[in-house]
Amino acid sequence: MINPELLKILACPKCKAPVVQAGDWLVCQGILCGLRFPIRSGVPVMLLEEAQGPSRTSH
């Protein structure tokens, strides 16, 4: 789990929106962005080259 204090200052490098942790990912909360960034060995990898597009779930 990412330290809550660190999570407060992290932002999406693309749109600058806050991110939240969802399992092994940090997920951008930007309305138009929604990129997901991996967490590897407890370290968030906030590189656009490593990001995945928004998760698409059916309801």
Protein backbone atom coordinates (compact mmCIF):
# COMPACT_ATOMS: atom_id res chain seq x y z
CA MET A 1 0.00 0.00 0.00
CA ILE A 2 1.22 3.47 -0.90
CA ASN A 3 1.77 5.84 2.04
CA PRO A 4 -1.37 8.03 2.34
CA GLU A 5 0.76 11.17 2.67
CA LEU A 6 2.53 10.37 -0.60
CA LEU A 7 -0.80 9.65 -2.30
CA LYS A 8 -1.98 13.15 -1.36
CA ILE A 9 0.80 14.77 -3.42
CA LEU A 10 0.88 12.42 -6.42
CA ALA A 11 -0.85 13.57 -9.59
CA CYS A 12 -1.32 12.21 -13.07
CA PRO A 13 1.60 13.37 -15.23
CA LYS A 14 -0.73 13.82 -18.22
CA CYS A 15 -3.67 15.83 -16.84
CA LYS A 16 -2.45 16.71 -13.31
CA ALA A 17 -5.56 15.23 -11.65
CA PRO A 18 -5.27 13.36 -8.33
CA VAL A 19 -4.72 9.60 -8.33
CA VAL A 20 -6.15 6.88 -6.07
CA GLN A 21 -4.81 3.43 -5.36
CA ALA A 22 -6.74 0.45 -6.73
CA GLY A 23 -4.85 -2.73 -5.94
CA ASP A 24 -1.49 -2.68 -7.73
CA TRP A 25 -2.40 0.44 -9.73
CA LEU A 26 -2.71 4.17 -9.24
CA VAL A 27 -5.73 5.40 -11.17
CA CYS A 28 -6.11 8.96 -12.44
CA GLN A 29 -9.32 10.61 -11.31
CA GLY A 30 -9.40 13.03 -14.24
CA ILE A 31 -12.74 13.00 -16.04
CA LEU A 32 -11.21 12.73 -19.51
CA CYS A 33 -8.01 10.86 -18.63
CA GLY A 34 -8.39 7.82 -16.36
CA LEU A 35 -4.90 6.45 -17.01
CA ARG A 36 -3.65 3.65 -14.76
CA PHE A 37 -0.07 3.54 -13.49
CA PRO A 38 1.49 0.34 -12.11
CA ILE A 39 2.91 -0.04 -8.63
CA ARG A 40 5.97 -2.30 -8.72
CA SER A 41 7.59 -3.53 -5.51
CA GLY A 42 5.76 -0.78 -3.62
CA VAL A 43 6.99 1.98 -5.96
CA PRO A 44 4.54 3.90 -8.17
CA VAL A 45 5.72 4.07 -11.79
CA MET A 46 4.28 7.41 -12.94
CA LEU A 47 5.66 7.34 -16.48
CA LEU A 48 3.31 7.87 -19.42
CA GLU A 49 5.16 5.11 -21.29
CA GLU A 50 4.16 2.64 -18.55
CA ALA A 51 0.54 3.80 -18.23
CA GLN A 52 -2.47 1.84 -19.43
CA GLY A 53 -5.69 3.30 -20.69
CA PRO A 54 -8.80 3.50 -18.53
CA SER A 55 -10.23 0.23 -17.32
CA ARG A 56 -13.41 -0.59 -19.18
CA THR A 57 -15.93 -2.53 -17.13
CA SER A 58 -19.41 -3.51 -18.22
CA HIS A 59 -22.30 -2.82 -15.83
